[in-house]
Amino acid sequence: MLWWIGNILLLVVVVPVLVALVNRVLAALERIRKASDEILDGGGRLAAALDGAPEGLAVTDQTIKDVSAGAVRYAGSVAKLLG
């Protein structure tokens, strides 16, 4: 007869608590899945936005070369004036 009380206690108390805990875990997993999907989508958009980066870097490299050549000429002229 004592095991009937244990079975009833199991059904009335333990099973609902376990179901509630599993429900909370599954809800958290769903929020994590949604956040990871948003992160993946944002990464894809970022990668698409960077498609023109190599060309932009090539222009920047050429600009740096042009500026450095002018700076060297300027420094040589200043050195002549001061020296």
PDB file of N, CA and C in Angstrom:
ATOM      1  N   MET A   1       0.805  -1.196   0.000  1.00  0.00           N
ATOM      2  CA  MET A   1       0.000   0.000   0.000  1.00  0.00           C
ATOM      3  C   MET A   1       0.854   1.268   0.000  1.00  0.00           C
ATOM      4  N   LEU A   2       2.040   1.220   0.589  1.00  0.00           N
ATOM      5  CA  LEU A   2       2.915   2.382   0.670  1.00  0.00           C
ATOM      6  C   LEU A   2       3.417   2.801  -0.711  1.00  0.00           C
ATOM      7  N   TRP A   3       3.580   1.840  -1.593  1.00  0.00           N
ATOM      8  CA  TRP A   3       4.087   2.187  -2.930  1.00  0.00           C
ATOM      9  C   TRP A   3       3.034   2.923  -3.744  1.00  0.00           C
ATOM     10  N   TRP A   4       1.742   2.758  -3.423  1.00  0.00           N
ATOM     11  CA  TRP A   4       0.693   3.532  -4.081  1.00  0.00           C
ATOM     12  C   TRP A   4       0.831   5.011  -3.738  1.00  0.00           C
ATOM     13  N   ILE A   5       1.154   5.275  -2.489  1.00  0.00           N
ATOM     14  CA  ILE A   5       1.343   6.665  -2.061  1.00  0.00           C
ATOM     15  C   ILE A   5       2.548   7.272  -2.797  1.00  0.00           C
ATOM     16  N   GLY A   6       3.594   6.475  -2.932  1.00  0.00           N
ATOM     17  CA  GLY A   6       4.777   6.938  -3.659  1.00  0.00           C
ATOM     18  C   GLY A   6       4.469   7.214  -5.119  1.00  0.00           C
ATOM     19  N   ASN A   7       3.687   6.341  -5.750  1.00  0.00           N
ATOM     20  CA  ASN A   7       3.304   6.551  -7.140  1.00  0.00           C
ATOM     21  C   ASN A   7       2.448   7.803  -7.315  1.00  0.00           C
ATOM     22  N   ILE A   8       1.502   8.007  -6.420  1.00  0.00           N
ATOM     23  CA  ILE A   8       0.645   9.191  -6.493  1.00  0.00           C
ATOM     24  C   ILE A   8       1.482  10.456  -6.281  1.00  0.00           C
ATOM     25  N   LEU A   9       2.400  10.415  -5.302  1.00  0.00           N
ATOM     26  CA  LEU A   9       3.288  11.553  -5.056  1.00  0.00           C
ATOM     27  C   LEU A   9       4.152  11.834  -6.291  1.00  0.00           C
ATOM     28  N   LEU A  10       4.618  10.784  -6.932  1.00  0.00           N
ATOM     29  CA  LEU A  10       5.415  10.931  -8.139  1.00  0.00           C
ATOM     30  C   LEU A  10       4.603  11.604  -9.248  1.00  0.00           C
ATOM     31  N   LEU A  11       3.402  11.176  -9.440  1.00  0.00           N
ATOM     32  CA  LEU A  11       2.555  11.736 -10.499  1.00  0.00           C
ATOM     33  C   LEU A  11       2.092  13.156 -10.196  1.00  0.00           C
ATOM     34  N   VAL A  12       1.831  13.445  -8.953  1.00  0.00           N
ATOM     35  CA  VAL A  12       1.259  14.741  -8.594  1.00  0.00           C
ATOM     36  C   VAL A  12       2.324  15.823  -8.410  1.00  0.00           C
ATOM     37  N   VAL A  13       3.504  15.464  -7.922  1.00  0.00           N
ATOM     38  CA  VAL A  13       4.514  16.470  -7.590  1.00  0.00           C
ATOM     39  C   VAL A  13       5.707  16.422  -8.542  1.00  0.00           C
ATOM     40  N   VAL A  14       6.325  15.286  -8.673  1.00  0.00           N
ATOM     41  CA  VAL A  14       7.604  15.200  -9.382  1.00  0.00           C
ATOM     42  C   VAL A  14       7.425  15.385 -10.885  1.00  0.00           C
ATOM     43  N   VAL A  15       6.458  14.733 -11.484  1.00  0.00           N
ATOM     44  CA  VAL A  15       6.279  14.825 -12.934  1.00  0.00           C
ATOM     45  C   VAL A  15       5.964  16.260 -13.372  1.00  0.00           C
ATOM     46  N   PRO A  16       5.059  16.987 -12.732  1.00  0.00           N
ATOM     47  CA  PRO A  16       4.830  18.384 -13.151  1.00  0.00           C
ATOM     48  C   PRO A  16       6.072  19.275 -12.989  1.00  0.00           C
ATOM     49  N   VAL A  17       6.839  19.029 -11.942  1.00  0.00           N
ATOM     50  CA  VAL A  17       8.064  19.816 -11.754  1.00  0.00           C
ATOM     51  C   VAL A  17       9.048  19.514 -12.881  1.00  0.00           C
ATOM     52  N   LEU A  18       9.196  18.265 -13.237  1.00  0.00           N
ATOM     53  CA  LEU A  18      10.098  17.898 -14.327  1.00  0.00           C
ATOM     54  C   LEU A  18       9.618  18.479 -15.662  1.00  0.00           C
ATOM     55  N   VAL A  19       8.329  18.438 -15.890  1.00  0.00           N
ATOM     56  CA  VAL A  19       7.789  19.004 -17.133  1.00  0.00           C
ATOM     57  C   VAL A  19       8.045  20.511 -17.179  1.00  0.00           C
ATOM     58  N   ALA A  20       7.872  21.196 -16.065  1.00  0.00           N
ATOM     59  CA  ALA A  20       8.127  22.639 -16.021  1.00  0.00           C
ATOM     60  C   ALA A  20       9.603  22.937 -16.277  1.00  0.00           C
ATOM     61  N   LEU A  21      10.492  22.140 -15.696  1.00  0.00           N
ATOM     62  CA  LEU A  21      11.922  22.357 -15.910  1.00  0.00           C
ATOM     63  C   LEU A  21      12.317  22.099 -17.361  1.00  0.00           C
ATOM     64  N   VAL A  22      11.795  21.045 -17.944  1.00  0.00           N
ATOM     65  CA  VAL A  22      12.094  20.748 -19.349  1.00  0.00           C
ATOM     66  C   VAL A  22      11.560  21.860 -20.245  1.00  0.00           C
ATOM     67  N   ASN A  23      10.382  22.376 -19.922  1.00  0.00           N
ATOM     68  CA  ASN A  23       9.798  23.470 -20.693  1.00  0.00           C
ATOM     69  C   ASN A  23      10.695  24.708 -20.646  1.00  0.00           C
ATOM     70  N   ARG A  24      11.231  25.024 -19.474  1.00  0.00           N
ATOM     71  CA  ARG A  24      12.123  26.186 -19.350  1.00  0.00           C
ATOM     72  C   ARG A  24      13.404  25.984 -20.145  1.00  0.00           C
ATOM     73  N   VAL A  25      13.950  24.771 -20.101  1.00  0.00           N
ATOM     74  CA  VAL A  25      15.178  24.482 -20.849  1.00  0.00           C
ATOM     75  C   VAL A  25      14.913  24.594 -22.354  1.00  0.00           C
ATOM     76  N   LEU A  26      13.798  24.049 -22.812  1.00  0.00           N
ATOM     77  CA  LEU A  26      13.482  24.129 -24.236  1.00  0.00           C
ATOM     78  C   LEU A  26      13.231  25.567 -24.683  1.00  0.00           C
ATOM     79  N   ALA A  27      12.609  26.379 -23.835  1.00  0.00           N
ATOM     80  CA  ALA A  27      12.391  27.790 -24.173  1.00  0.00           C
ATOM     81  C   ALA A  27      13.734  28.519 -24.291  1.00  0.00           C
ATOM     82  N   ALA A  28      14.655  28.224 -23.371  1.00  0.00           N
ATOM     83  CA  ALA A  28      15.975  28.845 -23.445  1.00  0.00           C
ATOM     84  C   ALA A  28      16.715  28.411 -24.704  1.00  0.00           C
ATOM     85  N   LEU A  29      16.598  27.147 -25.060  1.00  0.00           N
ATOM     86  CA  LEU A  29      17.241  26.662 -26.285  1.00  0.00           C
ATOM     87  C   LEU A  29      16.667  27.339 -27.522  1.00  0.00           C
ATOM     88  N   GLU A  30      15.386  27.582 -27.522  1.00  0.00           N
ATOM     89  CA  GLU A  30      14.763  28.260 -28.660  1.00  0.00           C
ATOM     90  C   GLU A  30      15.260  29.707 -28.772  1.00  0.00           C
ATOM     91  N   ARG A  31      15.417  30.392 -27.623  1.00  0.00           N
ATOM     92  CA  ARG A  31      15.958  31.755 -27.659  1.00  0.00           C
ATOM     93  C   ARG A  31      17.407  31.752 -28.151  1.00  0.00           C
ATOM     94  N   ILE A  32      18.182  30.763 -27.746  1.00  0.00           N
ATOM     95  CA  ILE A  32      19.576  30.653 -28.202  1.00  0.00           C
ATOM     96  C   ILE A  32      19.612  30.396 -29.700  1.00  0.00           C
ATOM     97  N   ARG A  33      18.748  29.529 -30.186  1.00  0.00           N
ATOM     98  CA  ARG A  33      18.701  29.235 -31.623  1.00  0.00           C
ATOM     99  C   ARG A  33      18.347  30.490 -32.410  1.00  0.00           C
ATOM    100  N   LYS A  34      17.380  31.266 -31.930  1.00  0.00           N
ATOM    101  CA  LYS A  34      16.987  32.490 -32.626  1.00  0.00           C
ATOM    102  C   LYS A  34      18.143  33.490 -32.641  1.00  0.00           C
ATOM    103  N   ALA A  35      18.827  33.636 -31.513  1.00  0.00           N
ATOM    104  CA  ALA A  35      19.949  34.570 -31.450  1.00  0.00           C
ATOM    105  C   ALA A  35      21.085  34.125 -32.367  1.00  0.00           C
ATOM    106  N   SER A  36      21.359  32.834 -32.426  1.00  0.00           N
ATOM    107  CA  SER A  36      22.432  32.351 -33.297  1.00  0.00           C
ATOM    108  C   SER A  36      22.061  32.528 -34.766  1.00  0.00           C
ATOM    109  N   ASP A  37      20.792  32.366 -35.104  1.00  0.00           N
ATOM    110  CA  ASP A  37      20.359  32.628 -36.484  1.00  0.00           C
ATOM    111  C   ASP A  37      20.536  34.096 -36.848  1.00  0.00           C
ATOM    112  N   GLU A  38      20.235  35.000 -35.908  1.00  0.00           N
ATOM    113  CA  GLU A  38      20.423  36.425 -36.158  1.00  0.00           C
ATOM    114  C   GLU A  38      21.903  36.761 -36.325  1.00  0.00           C
ATOM    115  N   ILE A  39      22.753  36.132 -35.523  1.00  0.00           N
ATOM    116  CA  ILE A  39      24.193  36.360 -35.637  1.00  0.00           C
ATOM    117  C   ILE A  39      24.697  35.869 -36.987  1.00  0.00           C
ATOM    118  N   LEU A  40      24.235  34.701 -37.404  1.00  0.00           N
ATOM    119  CA  LEU A  40      24.652  34.161 -38.703  1.00  0.00           C
ATOM    120  C   LEU A  40      24.190  35.068 -39.838  1.00  0.00           C
ATOM    121  N   ASP A  41      22.980  35.572 -39.756  1.00  0.00           N
ATOM    122  CA  ASP A  41      22.466  36.480 -40.781  1.00  0.00           C
ATOM    123  C   ASP A  41      23.284  37.765 -40.822  1.00  0.00           C
ATOM    124  N   GLY A  42      23.609  38.310 -39.660  1.00  0.00           N
ATOM    125  CA  GLY A  42      24.421  39.523 -39.603  1.00  0.00           C
ATOM    126  C   GLY A  42      25.821  39.295 -40.158  1.00  0.00           C
ATOM    127  N   GLY A  43      26.390  38.138 -39.879  1.00  0.00           N
ATOM    128  CA  GLY A  43      27.705  37.821 -40.438  1.00  0.00           C
ATOM    129  C   GLY A  43      27.676  37.714 -41.941  1.00  0.00           C
ATOM    130  N   GLY A  44      26.612  37.154 -42.481  1.00  0.00           N
ATOM    131  CA  GLY A  44      26.476  37.061 -43.939  1.00  0.00           C
ATOM    132  C   GLY A  44      26.346  38.428 -44.578  1.00  0.00           C
ATOM    133  N   ARG A  45      25.578  39.321 -43.929  1.00  0.00           N
ATOM    134  CA  ARG A  45      25.453  40.684 -44.459  1.00  0.00           C
ATOM    135  C   ARG A  45      26.783  41.428 -44.365  1.00  0.00           C
ATOM    136  N   LEU A  46      27.525  41.195 -43.279  1.00  0.00           N
ATOM    137  CA  LEU A  46      28.828  41.840 -43.130  1.00  0.00           C
ATOM    138  C   LEU A  46      29.797  41.353 -44.199  1.00  0.00           C
ATOM    139  N   ALA A  47      29.795  40.061 -44.459  1.00  0.00           N
ATOM    140  CA  ALA A  47      30.678  39.518 -45.496  1.00  0.00           C
ATOM    141  C   ALA A  47      30.325  40.099 -46.862  1.00  0.00           C
ATOM    142  N   ALA A  48      29.059  40.273 -47.138  1.00  0.00           N
ATOM    143  CA  ALA A  48      28.652  40.863 -48.409  1.00  0.00           C
ATOM    144  C   ALA A  48      29.075  42.327 -48.500  1.00  0.00           C
ATOM    145  N   ALA A  49      29.069  43.016 -47.367  1.00  0.00           N
ATOM    146  CA  ALA A  49      29.465  44.424 -47.362  1.00  0.00           C
ATOM    147  C   ALA A  49      30.966  44.585 -47.578  1.00  0.00           C
ATOM    148  N   LEU A  50      31.730  43.538 -47.305  1.00  0.00           N
ATOM    149  CA  LEU A  50      33.186  43.623 -47.441  1.00  0.00           C
ATOM    150  C   LEU A  50      33.684  43.159 -48.796  1.00  0.00           C
ATOM    151  N   ASP A  51      32.788  42.911 -49.737  1.00  0.00           N
ATOM    152  CA  ASP A  51      33.208  42.436 -51.056  1.00  0.00           C
ATOM    153  C   ASP A  51      34.121  43.431 -51.767  1.00  0.00           C
ATOM    154  N   GLY A  52      33.917  44.715 -51.572  1.00  0.00           N
ATOM    155  CA  GLY A  52      34.726  45.724 -52.249  1.00  0.00           C
ATOM    156  C   GLY A  52      35.986  46.120 -51.495  1.00  0.00           C
ATOM    157  N   ALA A  53      36.288  45.449 -50.389  1.00  0.00           N
ATOM    158  CA  ALA A  53      37.438  45.823 -49.566  1.00  0.00           C
ATOM    159  C   ALA A  53      38.774  45.688 -50.295  1.00  0.00           C
ATOM    160  N   PRO A  54      39.042  44.627 -51.058  1.00  0.00           N
ATOM    161  CA  PRO A  54      40.354  44.542 -51.731  1.00  0.00           C
ATOM    162  C   PRO A  54      40.611  45.712 -52.682  1.00  0.00           C
ATOM    163  N   GLU A  55      39.584  46.133 -53.423  1.00  0.00           N
ATOM    164  CA  GLU A  55      39.762  47.263 -54.325  1.00  0.00           C
ATOM    165  C   GLU A  55      40.012  48.548 -53.536  1.00  0.00           C
ATOM    166  N   GLY A  56      39.289  48.706 -52.452  1.00  0.00           N
ATOM    167  CA  GLY A  56      39.485  49.885 -51.605  1.00  0.00           C
ATOM    168  C   GLY A  56      40.879  49.913 -51.000  1.00  0.00           C
ATOM    169  N   LEU A  57      41.375  48.759 -50.595  1.00  0.00           N
ATOM    170  CA  LEU A  57      42.727  48.692 -50.046  1.00  0.00           C
ATOM    171  C   LEU A  57      43.775  48.979 -51.113  1.00  0.00           C
ATOM    172  N   ALA A  58      43.527  48.561 -52.344  1.00  0.00           N
ATOM    173  CA  ALA A  58      44.471  48.848 -53.429  1.00  0.00           C
ATOM    174  C   ALA A  58      44.546  50.353 -53.665  1.00  0.00           C
ATOM    175  N   VAL A  59      43.412  51.031 -53.640  1.00  0.00           N
ATOM    176  CA  VAL A  59      43.401  52.490 -53.798  1.00  0.00           C
ATOM    177  C   VAL A  59      44.145  53.148 -52.638  1.00  0.00           C
ATOM    178  N   THR A  60      43.906  52.656 -51.427  1.00  0.00           N
ATOM    179  CA  THR A  60      44.576  53.208 -50.251  1.00  0.00           C
ATOM    180  C   THR A  60      46.079  53.012 -50.348  1.00  0.00           C
ATOM    181  N   ASP A  61      46.520  51.836 -50.779  1.00  0.00           N
ATOM    182  CA  ASP A  61      47.958  51.583 -50.931  1.00  0.00           C
ATOM    183  C   ASP A  61      48.584  52.543 -51.936  1.00  0.00           C
ATOM    184  N   GLN A  62      47.894  52.787 -53.054  1.00  0.00           N
ATOM    185  CA  GLN A  62      48.422  53.705 -54.059  1.00  0.00           C
ATOM    186  C   GLN A  62      48.485  55.127 -53.512  1.00  0.00           C
ATOM    187  N   THR A  63      47.474  55.525 -52.757  1.00  0.00           N
ATOM    188  CA  THR A  63      47.462  56.861 -52.164  1.00  0.00           C
ATOM    189  C   THR A  63      48.618  57.015 -51.188  1.00  0.00           C
ATOM    190  N   ILE A  64      48.883  56.000 -50.396  1.00  0.00           N
ATOM    191  CA  ILE A  64      49.999  56.049 -49.445  1.00  0.00           C
ATOM    192  C   ILE A  64      51.324  56.175 -50.186  1.00  0.00           C
ATOM    193  N   LYS A  65      51.479  55.432 -51.267  1.00  0.00           N
ATOM    194  CA  LYS A  65      52.714  55.539 -52.058  1.00  0.00           C
ATOM    195  C   LYS A  65      52.878  56.949 -52.624  1.00  0.00           C
ATOM    196  N   ASP A  66      51.797  57.523 -53.149  1.00  0.00           N
ATOM    197  CA  ASP A  66      51.857  58.874 -53.705  1.00  0.00           C
ATOM    198  C   ASP A  66      52.204  59.902 -52.632  1.00  0.00           C
ATOM    199  N   VAL A  67      51.576  59.798 -51.475  1.00  0.00           N
ATOM    200  CA  VAL A  67      51.828  60.740 -50.390  1.00  0.00           C
ATOM    201  C   VAL A  67      53.248  60.579 -49.871  1.00  0.00           C
ATOM    202  N   SER A  68      53.708  59.353 -49.741  1.00  0.00           N
ATOM    203  CA  SER A  68      55.069  59.153 -49.219  1.00  0.00           C
ATOM    204  C   SER A  68      56.103  59.687 -50.205  1.00  0.00           C
ATOM    205  N   ALA A  69      55.877  59.560 -51.493  1.00  0.00           N
ATOM    206  CA  ALA A  69      56.816  60.114 -52.477  1.00  0.00           C
ATOM    207  C   ALA A  69      56.854  61.637 -52.360  1.00  0.00           C
ATOM    208  N   GLY A  70      55.708  62.266 -52.219  1.00  0.00           N
ATOM    209  CA  GLY A  70      55.661  63.718 -52.033  1.00  0.00           C
ATOM    210  C   GLY A  70      56.331  64.141 -50.733  1.00  0.00           C
ATOM    211  N   ALA A  71      56.140  63.361 -49.683  1.00  0.00           N
ATOM    212  CA  ALA A  71      56.746  63.682 -48.388  1.00  0.00           C
ATOM    213  C   ALA A  71      58.264  63.579 -48.467  1.00  0.00           C
ATOM    214  N   VAL A  72      58.763  62.608 -49.187  1.00  0.00           N
ATOM    215  CA  VAL A  72      60.214  62.454 -49.344  1.00  0.00           C
ATOM    216  C   VAL A  72      60.775  63.646 -50.125  1.00  0.00           C
ATOM    217  N   ARG A  73      60.094  64.052 -51.174  1.00  0.00           N
ATOM    218  CA  ARG A  73      60.550  65.221 -51.937  1.00  0.00           C
ATOM    219  C   ARG A  73      60.541  66.470 -51.060  1.00  0.00           C
ATOM    220  N   TYR A  74      59.482  66.635 -50.264  1.00  0.00           N
ATOM    221  CA  TYR A  74      59.379  67.793 -49.382  1.00  0.00           C
ATOM    222  C   TYR A  74      60.489  67.781 -48.337  1.00  0.00           C
ATOM    223  N   ALA A  75      60.719  66.609 -47.758  1.00  0.00           N
ATOM    224  CA  ALA A  75      61.761  66.511 -46.729  1.00  0.00           C
ATOM    225  C   ALA A  75      63.139  66.797 -47.346  1.00  0.00           C
ATOM    226  N   GLY A  76      63.352  66.358 -48.562  1.00  0.00           N
ATOM    227  CA  GLY A  76      64.640  66.658 -49.213  1.00  0.00           C
ATOM    228  C   GLY A  76      64.784  68.152 -49.440  1.00  0.00           C
ATOM    229  N   SER A  77      63.738  68.838 -49.863  1.00  0.00           N
ATOM    230  CA  SER A  77      63.811  70.286 -50.077  1.00  0.00           C
ATOM    231  C   SER A  77      64.052  71.023 -48.771  1.00  0.00           C
ATOM    232  N   VAL A  78      63.367  70.601 -47.706  1.00  0.00           N
ATOM    233  CA  VAL A  78      63.538  71.234 -46.406  1.00  0.00           C
ATOM    234  C   VAL A  78      64.960  70.995 -45.904  1.00  0.00           C
ATOM    235  N   ALA A  79      65.485  69.809 -46.136  1.00  0.00           N
ATOM    236  CA  ALA A  79      66.853  69.505 -45.703  1.00  0.00           C
ATOM    237  C   ALA A  79      67.862  70.393 -46.424  1.00  0.00           C
ATOM    238  N   LYS A  80      67.627  70.666 -47.693  1.00  0.00           N
ATOM    239  CA  LYS A  80      68.519  71.541 -48.445  1.00  0.00           C
ATOM    240  C   LYS A  80      68.461  72.964 -47.901  1.00  0.00           C
ATOM    241  N   LEU A  81      67.240  73.426 -47.597  1.00  0.00           N
ATOM    242  CA  LEU A  81      67.080  74.792 -47.070  1.00  0.00           C
ATOM    243  C   LEU A  81      67.739  74.963 -45.702  1.00  0.00           C
ATOM    244  N   LEU A  82      67.604  73.941 -44.871  1.00  0.00           N
ATOM    245  CA  LEU A  82      68.110  74.037 -43.506  1.00  0.00           C
ATOM    246  C   LEU A  82      69.595  73.651 -43.423  1.00  0.00           C
ATOM    247  N   GLY A  83      70.031  72.875 -44.387  1.00  0.00           N
ATOM    248  CA  GLY A  83      71.366  72.323 -44.264  1.00  0.00           C
ATOM    249  C   GLY A  83      72.408  73.067 -44.909  1.00  0.00           C
TER     250      GLY A  83
END
